[in-house]
Every structure is written in structure tokens, then in C-alpha cells.
């Protein structure tokens, strides 16, 4: 199998308060680029859409730009920034830190198909 797609022509764009996500869907990979503007917080911008108290998606990601704080439901907390690669289990909140938009690449089938959807 050989598949190639370009982010110049994403399969979908999903807008949500203070941000958006563009995704390409492939056989064994969904790849998303998400942009979160200053003031974005999952519990404020996406929770009303998802209908859950915290994010229940698994994320495999890379931070291209900006900073984001992540707090797990169990109390664990960290901050990620440019160049950081991360894995975040379901059950977390996240928010932009500072005045710069945060841009992340997300390599996860579930996220690109389900993030910010009811």
C-alpha cells in the first residue's frame, strides 16, 4: 500500500471556539494539525461540544509552536512547548500558556476523527 496526502488540501477542517483543526485521513493513520489561540482551554472551548468534563481522547503529538499546559484527571500536570513530543492518555484538560498561538501535530486515528465532535 502507498498513500500520500497533503495538508494543503485537508480532508476536513473543524472549527471550535479559539481554534481549529485540519486533518487528513488515511488507511492506518489520521494526522491532524491543531491551532489553539491564546485563551483556548479544552474545558471551555471543546467540552461543550464533546459533552464530557475532560478530554477523553488519547493523543500522540508534537508541539510545533507555542506552549500548552496539560493537567490529568489524577492531578499530574506538565507543560509542553516547541520540539516536545508527548503522549497523553484520556482524562485531561489542556490550555494555551502565554500570548502566542499553540500549533500541534497529532498522530492518532481517534483524535482526528473524533476531536471536537459530539
PDB file of N, CA and C in Angstrom:
ATOM      1  N   UNK A   1       0.850  -1.176   0.000  1.00  0.00           N
ATOM      2  CA  UNK A   1       0.000   0.000   0.000  1.00  0.00           C
ATOM      3  C   UNK A   1       0.896   1.240   0.000  1.00  0.00           C
ATOM      4  N   UNK A   2       0.438   2.256  -0.691  1.00  0.00           N
ATOM      5  CA  UNK A   2       1.127   3.538  -0.719  1.00  0.00           C
ATOM      6  C   UNK A   2       0.062   4.627  -0.758  1.00  0.00           C
ATOM      7  N   UNK A   3       0.086   5.504   0.225  1.00  0.00           N
ATOM      8  CA  UNK A   3      -0.863   6.623   0.277  1.00  0.00           C
ATOM      9  C   UNK A   3      -0.093   7.906   0.554  1.00  0.00           C
ATOM     10  N   UNK A   4      -0.476   8.966  -0.112  1.00  0.00           N
ATOM     11  CA  UNK A   4       0.111  10.273   0.124  1.00  0.00           C
ATOM     12  C   UNK A   4      -1.006  11.302   0.067  1.00  0.00           C
ATOM     13  N   UNK A   5      -1.033  12.167   1.060  1.00  0.00           N
ATOM     14  CA  UNK A   5      -1.974  13.290   1.059  1.00  0.00           C
ATOM     15  C   UNK A   5      -1.208  14.530   1.479  1.00  0.00           C
ATOM     16  N   UNK A   6      -1.778  15.685   1.209  1.00  0.00           N
ATOM     17  CA  UNK A   6      -1.138  16.938   1.575  1.00  0.00           C
ATOM     18  C   UNK A   6      -2.033  17.740   2.509  1.00  0.00           C
ATOM     19  N   UNK A   7      -1.409  18.412   3.453  1.00  0.00           N
ATOM     20  CA  UNK A   7      -2.170  19.276   4.349  1.00  0.00           C
ATOM     21  C   UNK A   7      -2.657  20.531   3.645  1.00  0.00           C
ATOM     22  N   UNK A   8      -2.129  20.779   2.434  1.00  0.00           N
ATOM     23  CA  UNK A   8      -2.639  21.905   1.643  1.00  0.00           C
ATOM     24  C   UNK A   8      -4.087  21.677   1.228  1.00  0.00           C
ATOM     25  N   UNK A   9      -4.502  20.393   1.216  1.00  0.00           N
ATOM     26  CA  UNK A   9      -5.875  20.019   0.877  1.00  0.00           C
ATOM     27  C   UNK A   9      -6.363  19.007   1.914  1.00  0.00           C
ATOM     28  N   UNK A  10      -6.630  19.467   3.142  1.00  0.00           N
ATOM     29  CA  UNK A  10      -7.061  18.530   4.183  1.00  0.00           C
ATOM     30  C   UNK A  10      -8.410  17.903   3.847  1.00  0.00           C
ATOM     31  N   UNK A  11      -8.637  16.706   4.388  1.00  0.00           N
ATOM     32  CA  UNK A  11      -9.922  16.045   4.207  1.00  0.00           C
ATOM     33  C   UNK A  11     -11.028  16.770   4.963  1.00  0.00           C
ATOM     34  N   UNK A  12     -10.647  17.430   6.050  1.00  0.00           N
ATOM     35  CA  UNK A  12     -11.650  18.199   6.788  1.00  0.00           C
ATOM     36  C   UNK A  12     -10.983  19.275   7.635  1.00  0.00           C
ATOM     37  N   UNK A  13     -11.778  20.266   7.938  1.00  0.00           N
ATOM     38  CA  UNK A  13     -11.394  21.317   8.870  1.00  0.00           C
ATOM     39  C   UNK A  13     -12.518  21.409   9.886  1.00  0.00           C
ATOM     40  N   UNK A  14     -12.151  21.419  11.138  1.00  0.00           N
ATOM     41  CA  UNK A  14     -13.123  21.513  12.215  1.00  0.00           C
ATOM     42  C   UNK A  14     -12.806  22.754  13.037  1.00  0.00           C
ATOM     43  N   UNK A  15     -13.742  23.679  13.104  1.00  0.00           N
ATOM     44  CA  UNK A  15     -13.568  24.905  13.883  1.00  0.00           C
ATOM     45  C   UNK A  15     -14.249  24.754  15.238  1.00  0.00           C
ATOM     46  N   UNK A  16     -13.642  25.317  16.254  1.00  0.00           N
ATOM     47  CA  UNK A  16     -14.208  25.353  17.596  1.00  0.00           C
ATOM     48  C   UNK A  16     -13.761  26.668  18.218  1.00  0.00           C
ATOM     49  N   UNK A  17     -14.384  27.104  19.307  1.00  0.00           N
ATOM     50  CA  UNK A  17     -14.015  28.388  19.894  1.00  0.00           C
ATOM     51  C   UNK A  17     -12.511  28.492  20.161  1.00  0.00           C
ATOM     52  N   UNK A  18     -11.911  29.564  19.670  1.00  0.00           N
ATOM     53  CA  UNK A  18     -10.495  29.885  19.845  1.00  0.00           C
ATOM     54  C   UNK A  18      -9.545  28.869  19.200  1.00  0.00           C
ATOM     55  N   UNK A  19     -10.018  28.185  18.150  1.00  0.00           N
ATOM     56  CA  UNK A  19      -9.105  27.275  17.487  1.00  0.00           C
ATOM     57  C   UNK A  19      -9.731  26.514  16.344  1.00  0.00           C
ATOM     58  N   UNK A  20      -8.907  25.698  15.700  1.00  0.00           N
ATOM     59  CA  UNK A  20      -9.380  24.838  14.626  1.00  0.00           C
ATOM     60  C   UNK A  20      -8.400  23.682  14.420  1.00  0.00           C
ATOM     61  N   UNK A  21      -8.867  22.684  13.699  1.00  0.00           N
ATOM     62  CA  UNK A  21      -8.064  21.519  13.385  1.00  0.00           C
ATOM     63  C   UNK A  21      -8.270  21.170  11.918  1.00  0.00           C
ATOM     64  N   UNK A  22      -7.178  20.834  11.242  1.00  0.00           N
ATOM     65  CA  UNK A  22      -7.250  20.349   9.873  1.00  0.00           C
ATOM     66  C   UNK A  22      -6.663  18.941   9.865  1.00  0.00           C
ATOM     67  N   UNK A  23      -7.323  18.015   9.170  1.00  0.00           N
ATOM     68  CA  UNK A  23      -6.907  16.618   9.228  1.00  0.00           C
ATOM     69  C   UNK A  23      -6.923  15.956   7.861  1.00  0.00           C
ATOM     70  N   UNK A  24      -6.017  15.004   7.709  1.00  0.00           N
ATOM     71  CA  UNK A  24      -6.043  14.080   6.585  1.00  0.00           C
ATOM     72  C   UNK A  24      -6.280  12.689   7.163  1.00  0.00           C
ATOM     73  N   UNK A  25      -7.124  11.921   6.493  1.00  0.00           N
ATOM     74  CA  UNK A  25      -7.488  10.579   6.944  1.00  0.00           C
ATOM     75  C   UNK A  25      -6.918   9.568   5.960  1.00  0.00           C
ATOM     76  N   UNK A  26      -6.136   8.641   6.506  1.00  0.00           N
ATOM     77  CA  UNK A  26      -5.513   7.617   5.684  1.00  0.00           C
ATOM     78  C   UNK A  26      -5.856   6.241   6.258  1.00  0.00           C
ATOM     79  N   UNK A  27      -5.449   5.188   5.590  1.00  0.00           N
ATOM     80  CA  UNK A  27      -5.817   3.841   5.997  1.00  0.00           C
ATOM     81  C   UNK A  27      -5.416   3.528   7.434  1.00  0.00           C
ATOM     82  N   UNK A  28      -4.164   3.711   7.796  1.00  0.00           N
ATOM     83  CA  UNK A  28      -3.702   3.383   9.140  1.00  0.00           C
ATOM     84  C   UNK A  28      -3.235   4.589   9.933  1.00  0.00           C
ATOM     85  N   UNK A  29      -3.568   5.782   9.477  1.00  0.00           N
ATOM     86  CA  UNK A  29      -3.117   6.992  10.166  1.00  0.00           C
ATOM     87  C   UNK A  29      -4.060   8.143   9.883  1.00  0.00           C
ATOM     88  N   UNK A  30      -4.427   8.828  10.933  1.00  0.00           N
ATOM     89  CA  UNK A  30      -5.073  10.128  10.796  1.00  0.00           C
ATOM     90  C   UNK A  30      -4.099  11.130  11.362  1.00  0.00           C
ATOM     91  N   UNK A  31      -3.848  12.180  10.619  1.00  0.00           N
ATOM     92  CA  UNK A  31      -2.877  13.197  11.011  1.00  0.00           C
ATOM     93  C   UNK A  31      -3.607  14.522  11.079  1.00  0.00           C
ATOM     94  N   UNK A  32      -3.445  15.221  12.188  1.00  0.00           N
ATOM     95  CA  UNK A  32      -4.136  16.496  12.357  1.00  0.00           C
ATOM     96  C   UNK A  32      -3.147  17.580  12.764  1.00  0.00           C
ATOM     97  N   UNK A  33      -3.416  18.779  12.282  1.00  0.00           N
ATOM     98  CA  UNK A  33      -2.709  19.966  12.735  1.00  0.00           C
ATOM     99  C   UNK A  33      -3.755  20.818  13.448  1.00  0.00           C
ATOM    100  N   UNK A  34      -3.522  21.051  14.727  1.00  0.00           N
ATOM    101  CA  UNK A  34      -4.466  21.842  15.509  1.00  0.00           C
ATOM    102  C   UNK A  34      -3.815  23.158  15.913  1.00  0.00           C
ATOM    103  N   UNK A  35      -4.578  24.229  15.794  1.00  0.00           N
ATOM    104  CA  UNK A  35      -4.125  25.559  16.194  1.00  0.00           C
ATOM    105  C   UNK A  35      -5.034  26.043  17.307  1.00  0.00           C
ATOM    106  N   UNK A  36      -4.421  26.395  18.424  1.00  0.00           N
ATOM    107  CA  UNK A  36      -5.150  26.883  19.596  1.00  0.00           C
ATOM    108  C   UNK A  36      -4.701  28.313  19.874  1.00  0.00           C
ATOM    109  N   UNK A  37      -5.641  29.228  19.879  1.00  0.00           N
ATOM    110  CA  UNK A  37      -5.335  30.645  20.096  1.00  0.00           C
ATOM    111  C   UNK A  37      -5.169  30.933  21.594  1.00  0.00           C
ATOM    112  N   UNK A  38      -4.465  32.023  21.930  1.00  0.00           N
ATOM    113  CA  UNK A  38      -4.371  32.407  23.343  1.00  0.00           C
ATOM    114  C   UNK A  38      -5.775  32.479  23.957  1.00  0.00           C
ATOM    115  N   UNK A  39      -5.898  31.963  25.159  1.00  0.00           N
ATOM    116  CA  UNK A  39      -7.195  31.928  25.825  1.00  0.00           C
ATOM    117  C   UNK A  39      -7.937  30.622  25.625  1.00  0.00           C
ATOM    118  N   UNK A  40      -7.454  29.748  24.698  1.00  0.00           N
ATOM    119  CA  UNK A  40      -8.099  28.463  24.485  1.00  0.00           C
ATOM    120  C   UNK A  40      -7.870  27.563  25.693  1.00  0.00           C
ATOM    121  N   UNK A  41      -8.926  26.899  26.103  1.00  0.00           N
ATOM    122  CA  UNK A  41      -8.844  25.868  27.144  1.00  0.00           C
ATOM    123  C   UNK A  41      -9.851  24.790  26.783  1.00  0.00           C
ATOM    124  N   UNK A  42      -9.431  23.536  26.881  1.00  0.00           N
ATOM    125  CA  UNK A  42     -10.302  22.437  26.479  1.00  0.00           C
ATOM    126  C   UNK A  42     -11.637  22.489  27.197  1.00  0.00           C
ATOM    127  N   UNK A  43     -11.627  22.670  28.521  1.00  0.00           N
ATOM    128  CA  UNK A  43     -12.868  22.628  29.292  1.00  0.00           C
ATOM    129  C   UNK A  43     -13.818  23.767  28.931  1.00  0.00           C
ATOM    130  N   UNK A  44     -13.313  24.823  28.335  1.00  0.00           N
ATOM    131  CA  UNK A  44     -14.169  25.948  27.938  1.00  0.00           C
ATOM    132  C   UNK A  44     -14.527  25.911  26.451  1.00  0.00           C
ATOM    133  N   UNK A  45     -13.595  25.494  25.605  1.00  0.00           N
ATOM    134  CA  UNK A  45     -13.793  25.569  24.160  1.00  0.00           C
ATOM    135  C   UNK A  45     -14.309  24.287  23.526  1.00  0.00           C
ATOM    136  N   UNK A  46     -13.978  23.130  24.100  1.00  0.00           N
ATOM    137  CA  UNK A  46     -14.332  21.868  23.468  1.00  0.00           C
ATOM    138  C   UNK A  46     -15.299  21.035  24.315  1.00  0.00           C
ATOM    139  N   UNK A  47     -15.220  21.128  25.626  1.00  0.00           N
ATOM    140  CA  UNK A  47     -16.102  20.330  26.496  1.00  0.00           C
ATOM    141  C   UNK A  47     -17.577  20.485  26.132  1.00  0.00           C
ATOM    142  N   UNK A  48     -18.060  21.705  25.854  1.00  0.00           N
ATOM    143  CA  UNK A  48     -19.472  21.824  25.478  1.00  0.00           C
ATOM    144  C   UNK A  48     -19.815  21.066  24.182  1.00  0.00           C
ATOM    145  N   UNK A  49     -18.861  20.917  23.301  1.00  0.00           N
ATOM    146  CA  UNK A  49     -19.077  20.178  22.056  1.00  0.00           C
ATOM    147  C   UNK A  49     -19.000  18.674  22.323  1.00  0.00           C
ATOM    148  N   UNK A  50     -17.970  18.251  23.065  1.00  0.00           N
ATOM    149  CA  UNK A  50     -17.737  16.825  23.310  1.00  0.00           C
ATOM    150  C   UNK A  50     -18.728  16.230  24.302  1.00  0.00           C
ATOM    151  N   UNK A  51     -19.226  17.066  25.219  1.00  0.00           N
ATOM    152  CA  UNK A  51     -20.175  16.571  26.213  1.00  0.00           C
ATOM    153  C   UNK A  51     -19.540  15.786  27.344  1.00  0.00           C
ATOM    154  N   UNK A  52     -18.235  15.977  27.561  1.00  0.00           N
ATOM    155  CA  UNK A  52     -17.538  15.338  28.674  1.00  0.00           C
ATOM    156  C   UNK A  52     -16.851  16.404  29.514  1.00  0.00           C
ATOM    157  N   UNK A  53     -16.596  16.097  30.780  1.00  0.00           N
ATOM    158  CA  UNK A  53     -15.985  17.075  31.680  1.00  0.00           C
ATOM    159  C   UNK A  53     -14.534  17.355  31.322  1.00  0.00           C
ATOM    160  N   UNK A  54     -13.816  16.326  30.858  1.00  0.00           N
ATOM    161  CA  UNK A  54     -12.433  16.482  30.414  1.00  0.00           C
ATOM    162  C   UNK A  54     -12.255  15.722  29.106  1.00  0.00           C
ATOM    163  N   UNK A  55     -11.135  15.945  28.441  1.00  0.00           N
ATOM    164  CA  UNK A  55     -10.876  15.301  27.148  1.00  0.00           C
ATOM    165  C   UNK A  55     -10.681  13.807  27.348  1.00  0.00           C
ATOM    166  N   UNK A  56     -11.425  13.023  26.593  1.00  0.00           N
ATOM    167  CA  UNK A  56     -11.351  11.567  26.689  1.00  0.00           C
ATOM    168  C   UNK A  56     -10.654  10.949  25.477  1.00  0.00           C
ATOM    169  N   UNK A  57      -9.834  11.736  24.787  1.00  0.00           N
ATOM    170  CA  UNK A  57      -9.065  11.267  23.637  1.00  0.00           C
ATOM    171  C   UNK A  57      -7.640  10.929  24.062  1.00  0.00           C
ATOM    172  N   UNK A  58      -7.049   9.969  23.385  1.00  0.00           N
ATOM    173  CA  UNK A  58      -5.624   9.670  23.530  1.00  0.00           C
ATOM    174  C   UNK A  58      -4.892  10.501  22.488  1.00  0.00           C
ATOM    175  N   UNK A  59      -3.819  11.166  22.881  1.00  0.00           N
ATOM    176  CA  UNK A  59      -3.063  11.997  21.944  1.00  0.00           C
ATOM    177  C   UNK A  59      -1.609  11.550  21.863  1.00  0.00           C
ATOM    178  N   UNK A  60      -1.116  11.422  20.645  1.00  0.00           N
ATOM    179  CA  UNK A  60       0.310  11.292  20.355  1.00  0.00           C
ATOM    180  C   UNK A  60       0.634  12.558  19.586  1.00  0.00           C
ATOM    181  N   UNK A  61       1.480  13.420  20.137  1.00  0.00           N
ATOM    182  CA  UNK A  61       1.641  14.706  19.490  1.00  0.00           C
ATOM    183  C   UNK A  61       3.038  15.266  19.484  1.00  0.00           C
ATOM    184  N   UNK A  62       3.160  16.362  18.763  1.00  0.00           N
ATOM    185  CA  UNK A  62       4.400  17.124  18.633  1.00  0.00           C
ATOM    186  C   UNK A  62       4.018  18.602  18.640  1.00  0.00           C
ATOM    187  N   UNK A  63       4.689  19.389  19.450  1.00  0.00           N
ATOM    188  CA  UNK A  63       4.412  20.828  19.515  1.00  0.00           C
ATOM    189  C   UNK A  63       5.318  21.550  18.534  1.00  0.00           C
ATOM    190  N   UNK A  64       4.701  22.220  17.585  1.00  0.00           N
ATOM    191  CA  UNK A  64       5.441  22.992  16.593  1.00  0.00           C
ATOM    192  C   UNK A  64       5.704  24.408  17.094  1.00  0.00           C
ATOM    193  N   UNK A  65       4.702  24.994  17.768  1.00  0.00           N
ATOM    194  CA  UNK A  65       4.783  26.405  18.167  1.00  0.00           C
ATOM    195  C   UNK A  65       3.943  26.620  19.417  1.00  0.00           C
ATOM    196  N   UNK A  66       4.379  27.539  20.265  1.00  0.00           N
ATOM    197  CA  UNK A  66       3.598  27.912  21.442  1.00  0.00           C
ATOM    198  C   UNK A  66       3.797  26.961  22.607  1.00  0.00           C
ATOM    199  N   UNK A  67       3.038  27.224  23.676  1.00  0.00           N
ATOM    200  CA  UNK A  67       3.135  26.419  24.887  1.00  0.00           C
ATOM    201  C   UNK A  67       1.738  26.018  25.341  1.00  0.00           C
ATOM    202  N   UNK A  68       1.657  24.820  25.906  1.00  0.00           N
ATOM    203  CA  UNK A  68       0.388  24.302  26.395  1.00  0.00           C
ATOM    204  C   UNK A  68       0.618  23.601  27.731  1.00  0.00           C
ATOM    205  N   UNK A  69      -0.284  23.831  28.658  1.00  0.00           N
ATOM    206  CA  UNK A  69      -0.273  23.149  29.948  1.00  0.00           C
ATOM    207  C   UNK A  69      -1.283  22.019  29.881  1.00  0.00           C
ATOM    208  N   UNK A  70      -0.933  20.860  30.438  1.00  0.00           N
ATOM    209  CA  UNK A  70      -1.819  19.699  30.436  1.00  0.00           C
ATOM    210  C   UNK A  70      -1.955  19.213  31.872  1.00  0.00           C
ATOM    211  N   UNK A  71      -3.195  19.031  32.307  1.00  0.00           N
ATOM    212  CA  UNK A  71      -3.460  18.509  33.653  1.00  0.00           C
ATOM    213  C   UNK A  71      -4.324  17.259  33.526  1.00  0.00           C
ATOM    214  N   UNK A  72      -3.811  16.169  34.059  1.00  0.00           N
ATOM    215  CA  UNK A  72      -4.523  14.894  34.052  1.00  0.00           C
ATOM    216  C   UNK A  72      -5.590  14.890  35.148  1.00  0.00           C
ATOM    217  N   UNK A  73      -6.623  14.083  34.960  1.00  0.00           N
ATOM    218  CA  UNK A  73      -7.676  13.965  35.968  1.00  0.00           C
ATOM    219  C   UNK A  73      -7.130  13.489  37.305  1.00  0.00           C
ATOM    220  N   UNK A  74      -6.018  12.736  37.280  1.00  0.00           N
ATOM    221  CA  UNK A  74      -5.435  12.238  38.530  1.00  0.00           C
ATOM    222  C   UNK A  74      -4.527  13.258  39.207  1.00  0.00           C
ATOM    223  N   UNK A  75      -4.412  14.471  38.634  1.00  0.00           N
ATOM    224  CA  UNK A  75      -3.622  15.539  39.241  1.00  0.00           C
ATOM    225  C   UNK A  75      -2.257  15.755  38.624  1.00  0.00           C
ATOM    226  N   UNK A  76      -1.761  14.807  37.838  1.00  0.00           N
ATOM    227  CA  UNK A  76      -0.480  15.003  37.165  1.00  0.00           C
ATOM    228  C   UNK A  76      -0.569  16.179  36.204  1.00  0.00           C
ATOM    229  N   UNK A  77       0.518  16.949  36.103  1.00  0.00           N
ATOM    230  CA  UNK A  77       0.480  18.161  35.291  1.00  0.00           C
ATOM    231  C   UNK A  77       1.853  18.427  34.692  1.00  0.00           C
ATOM    232  N   UNK A  78       1.871  18.943  33.465  1.00  0.00           N
ATOM    233  CA  UNK A  78       3.119  19.313  32.810  1.00  0.00           C
ATOM    234  C   UNK A  78       2.850  20.407  31.784  1.00  0.00           C
ATOM    235  N   UNK A  79       3.921  20.973  31.271  1.00  0.00           N
ATOM    236  CA  UNK A  79       3.818  21.968  30.209  1.00  0.00           C
ATOM    237  C   UNK A  79       4.658  21.489  29.037  1.00  0.00           C
ATOM    238  N   UNK A  80       4.145  21.650  27.834  1.00  0.00           N
ATOM    239  CA  UNK A  80       4.869  21.264  26.624  1.00  0.00           C
ATOM    240  C   UNK A  80       5.071  22.501  25.753  1.00  0.00           C
ATOM    241  N   UNK A  81       6.159  22.476  24.982  1.00  0.00           N
ATOM    242  CA  UNK A  81       6.478  23.583  24.104  1.00  0.00           C
ATOM    243  C   UNK A  81       7.163  23.097  22.844  1.00  0.00           C
ATOM    244  N   UNK A  82       7.657  24.027  22.021  1.00  0.00           N
ATOM    245  CA  UNK A  82       8.237  23.685  20.721  1.00  0.00           C
ATOM    246  C   UNK A  82       9.284  22.582  20.816  1.00  0.00           C
ATOM    247  N   UNK A  83       9.118  21.574  19.954  1.00  0.00           N
ATOM    248  CA  UNK A  83      10.051  20.463  19.909  1.00  0.00           C
ATOM    249  C   UNK A  83       9.685  19.302  20.808  1.00  0.00           C
ATOM    250  N   UNK A  84       8.704  19.482  21.691  1.00  0.00           N
ATOM    251  CA  UNK A  84       8.312  18.405  22.599  1.00  0.00           C
ATOM    252  C   UNK A  84       7.400  17.408  21.890  1.00  0.00           C
ATOM    253  N   UNK A  85       7.670  16.125  22.141  1.00  0.00           N
ATOM    254  CA  UNK A  85       6.827  15.025  21.683  1.00  0.00           C
ATOM    255  C   UNK A  85       6.122  14.498  22.920  1.00  0.00           C
ATOM    256  N   UNK A  86       4.817  14.232  22.820  1.00  0.00           N
ATOM    257  CA  UNK A  86       4.072  13.838  24.011  1.00  0.00           C
ATOM    258  C   UNK A  86       3.062  12.737  23.713  1.00  0.00           C
ATOM    259  N   UNK A  87       2.742  12.011  24.765  1.00  0.00           N
ATOM    260  CA  UNK A  87       1.653  11.039  24.767  1.00  0.00           C
ATOM    261  C   UNK A  87       0.783  11.405  25.960  1.00  0.00           C
ATOM    262  N   UNK A  88      -0.514  11.608  25.717  1.00  0.00           N
ATOM    263  CA  UNK A  88      -1.449  11.976  26.779  1.00  0.00           C
ATOM    264  C   UNK A  88      -2.625  11.010  26.732  1.00  0.00           C
ATOM    265  N   UNK A  89      -2.880  10.356  27.856  1.00  0.00           N
ATOM    266  CA  UNK A  89      -3.990   9.411  27.968  1.00  0.00           C
ATOM    267  C   UNK A  89      -5.314  10.154  28.108  1.00  0.00           C
ATOM    268  N   UNK A  90      -6.422   9.468  27.867  1.00  0.00           N
ATOM    269  CA  UNK A  90      -7.732  10.076  28.101  1.00  0.00           C
ATOM    270  C   UNK A  90      -7.860  10.528  29.567  1.00  0.00           C
ATOM    271  N   UNK A  91      -8.618  11.607  29.743  1.00  0.00           N
ATOM    272  CA  UNK A  91      -8.866  12.142  31.078  1.00  0.00           C
ATOM    273  C   UNK A  91      -7.936  13.292  31.405  1.00  0.00           C
ATOM    274  N   UNK A  92      -8.076  14.398  30.677  1.00  0.00           N
ATOM    275  CA  UNK A  92      -7.194  15.544  30.900  1.00  0.00           C
ATOM    276  C   UNK A  92      -7.848  16.843  30.435  1.00  0.00           C
ATOM    277  N   UNK A  93      -7.298  17.922  30.922  1.00  0.00           N
ATOM    278  CA  UNK A  93      -7.633  19.270  30.461  1.00  0.00           C
ATOM    279  C   UNK A  93      -6.333  19.837  29.892  1.00  0.00           C
ATOM    280  N   UNK A  94      -6.440  20.824  29.017  1.00  0.00           N
ATOM    281  CA  UNK A  94      -5.262  21.473  28.457  1.00  0.00           C
ATOM    282  C   UNK A  94      -5.606  22.905  28.121  1.00  0.00           C
ATOM    283  N   UNK A  95      -4.595  23.775  28.165  1.00  0.00           N
ATOM    284  CA  UNK A  95      -4.838  25.178  27.831  1.00  0.00           C
ATOM    285  C   UNK A  95      -3.562  25.821  27.327  1.00  0.00           C
ATOM    286  N   UNK A  96      -3.745  26.871  26.519  1.00  0.00           N
ATOM    287  CA  UNK A  96      -2.633  27.628  25.965  1.00  0.00           C
ATOM    288  C   UNK A  96      -2.026  28.477  27.069  1.00  0.00           C
ATOM    289  N   UNK A  97      -0.700  28.498  27.098  1.00  0.00           N
ATOM    290  CA  UNK A  97       0.052  29.326  28.044  1.00  0.00           C
ATOM    291  C   UNK A  97       0.686  30.461  27.251  1.00  0.00           C
ATOM    292  N   UNK A  98       0.449  31.693  27.675  1.00  0.00           N
ATOM    293  CA  UNK A  98       1.073  32.839  27.023  1.00  0.00           C
ATOM    294  C   UNK A  98       0.216  33.458  25.936  1.00  0.00           C
ATOM    295  N   UNK A  99       0.858  34.339  25.164  1.00  0.00           N
ATOM    296  CA  UNK A  99       0.157  35.146  24.165  1.00  0.00           C
ATOM    297  C   UNK A  99       0.373  34.677  22.733  1.00  0.00           C
ATOM    298  N   UNK A 100       0.996  33.524  22.558  1.00  0.00           N
ATOM    299  CA  UNK A 100       1.270  33.005  21.215  1.00  0.00           C
ATOM    300  C   UNK A 100       0.347  31.818  20.936  1.00  0.00           C
ATOM    301  N   UNK A 101      -0.176  31.714  19.706  1.00  0.00           N
ATOM    302  CA  UNK A 101      -0.958  30.521  19.370  1.00  0.00           C
ATOM    303  C   UNK A 101      -0.096  29.262  19.534  1.00  0.00           C
ATOM    304  N   UNK A 102      -0.743  28.180  19.912  1.00  0.00           N
ATOM    305  CA  UNK A 102      -0.063  26.894  20.012  1.00  0.00           C
ATOM    306  C   UNK A 102      -0.490  26.044  18.819  1.00  0.00           C
ATOM    307  N   UNK A 103       0.494  25.483  18.128  1.00  0.00           N
ATOM    308  CA  UNK A 103       0.235  24.625  16.980  1.00  0.00           C
ATOM    309  C   UNK A 103       0.817  23.253  17.295  1.00  0.00           C
ATOM    310  N   UNK A 104      -0.026  22.220  17.202  1.00  0.00           N
ATOM    311  CA  UNK A 104       0.424  20.860  17.477  1.00  0.00           C
ATOM    312  C   UNK A 104       0.084  19.944  16.312  1.00  0.00           C
ATOM    313  N   UNK A 105       0.936  18.945  16.123  1.00  0.00           N
ATOM    314  CA  UNK A 105       0.664  17.858  15.197  1.00  0.00           C
ATOM    315  C   UNK A 105       0.169  16.695  16.045  1.00  0.00           C
ATOM    316  N   UNK A 106      -0.912  16.061  15.632  1.00  0.00           N
ATOM    317  CA  UNK A 106      -1.466  14.939  16.370  1.00  0.00           C
ATOM    318  C   UNK A 106      -1.499  13.715  15.466  1.00  0.00           C
ATOM    319  N   UNK A 107      -0.836  12.657  15.895  1.00  0.00           N
ATOM    320  CA  UNK A 107      -0.752  11.410  15.138  1.00  0.00           C
ATOM    321  C   UNK A 107      -1.615  10.367  15.827  1.00  0.00           C
ATOM    322  N   UNK A 108      -2.883  10.417  15.634  1.00  0.00           N
ATOM    323  CA  UNK A 108      -3.753   9.469  16.332  1.00  0.00           C
ATOM    324  C   UNK A 108      -5.049   9.345  15.566  1.00  0.00           C
ATOM    325  N   UNK A 109      -5.423   8.143  15.223  1.00  0.00           N
ATOM    326  CA  UNK A 109      -6.649   7.929  14.466  1.00  0.00           C
ATOM    327  C   UNK A 109      -7.871   8.483  15.147  1.00  0.00           C
ATOM    328  N   UNK A 110      -8.042   8.191  16.408  1.00  0.00           N
ATOM    329  CA  UNK A 110      -9.242   8.595  17.139  1.00  0.00           C
ATOM    330  C   UNK A 110      -9.362  10.116  17.207  1.00  0.00           C
ATOM    331  N   UNK A 111      -8.258  10.790  17.447  1.00  0.00           N
ATOM    332  CA  UNK A 111      -8.314  12.231  17.635  1.00  0.00           C
ATOM    333  C   UNK A 111      -8.791  12.966  16.389  1.00  0.00           C
ATOM    334  N   UNK A 112      -8.186  12.672  15.268  1.00  0.00           N
ATOM    335  CA  UNK A 112      -8.531  13.389  14.046  1.00  0.00           C
ATOM    336  C   UNK A 112      -9.972  13.137  13.623  1.00  0.00           C
ATOM    337  N   UNK A 113     -10.507  11.989  13.957  1.00  0.00           N
ATOM    338  CA  UNK A 113     -11.879  11.680  13.561  1.00  0.00           C
ATOM    339  C   UNK A 113     -12.913  12.128  14.589  1.00  0.00           C
ATOM    340  N   UNK A 114     -12.508  12.260  15.856  1.00  0.00           N
ATOM    341  CA  UNK A 114     -13.491  12.495  16.917  1.00  0.00           C
ATOM    342  C   UNK A 114     -13.319  13.784  17.704  1.00  0.00           C
ATOM    343  N   UNK A 115     -12.148  14.430  17.665  1.00  0.00           N
ATOM    344  CA  UNK A 115     -11.912  15.611  18.480  1.00  0.00           C
ATOM    345  C   UNK A 115     -12.866  16.735  18.127  1.00  0.00           C
ATOM    346  N   UNK A 116     -13.430  17.349  19.140  1.00  0.00           N
ATOM    347  CA  UNK A 116     -14.363  18.467  18.981  1.00  0.00           C
ATOM    348  C   UNK A 116     -15.620  18.078  18.209  1.00  0.00           C
ATOM    349  N   UNK A 117     -16.072  16.853  18.419  1.00  0.00           N
ATOM    350  CA  UNK A 117     -17.329  16.369  17.851  1.00  0.00           C
ATOM    351  C   UNK A 117     -18.211  15.887  18.981  1.00  0.00           C
ATOM    352  N   UNK A 118     -19.515  15.933  18.742  1.00  0.00           N
ATOM    353  CA  UNK A 118     -20.464  15.411  19.747  1.00  0.00           C
ATOM    354  C   UNK A 118     -20.433  13.907  19.729  1.00  0.00           C
TER     355      UNK A 118
END
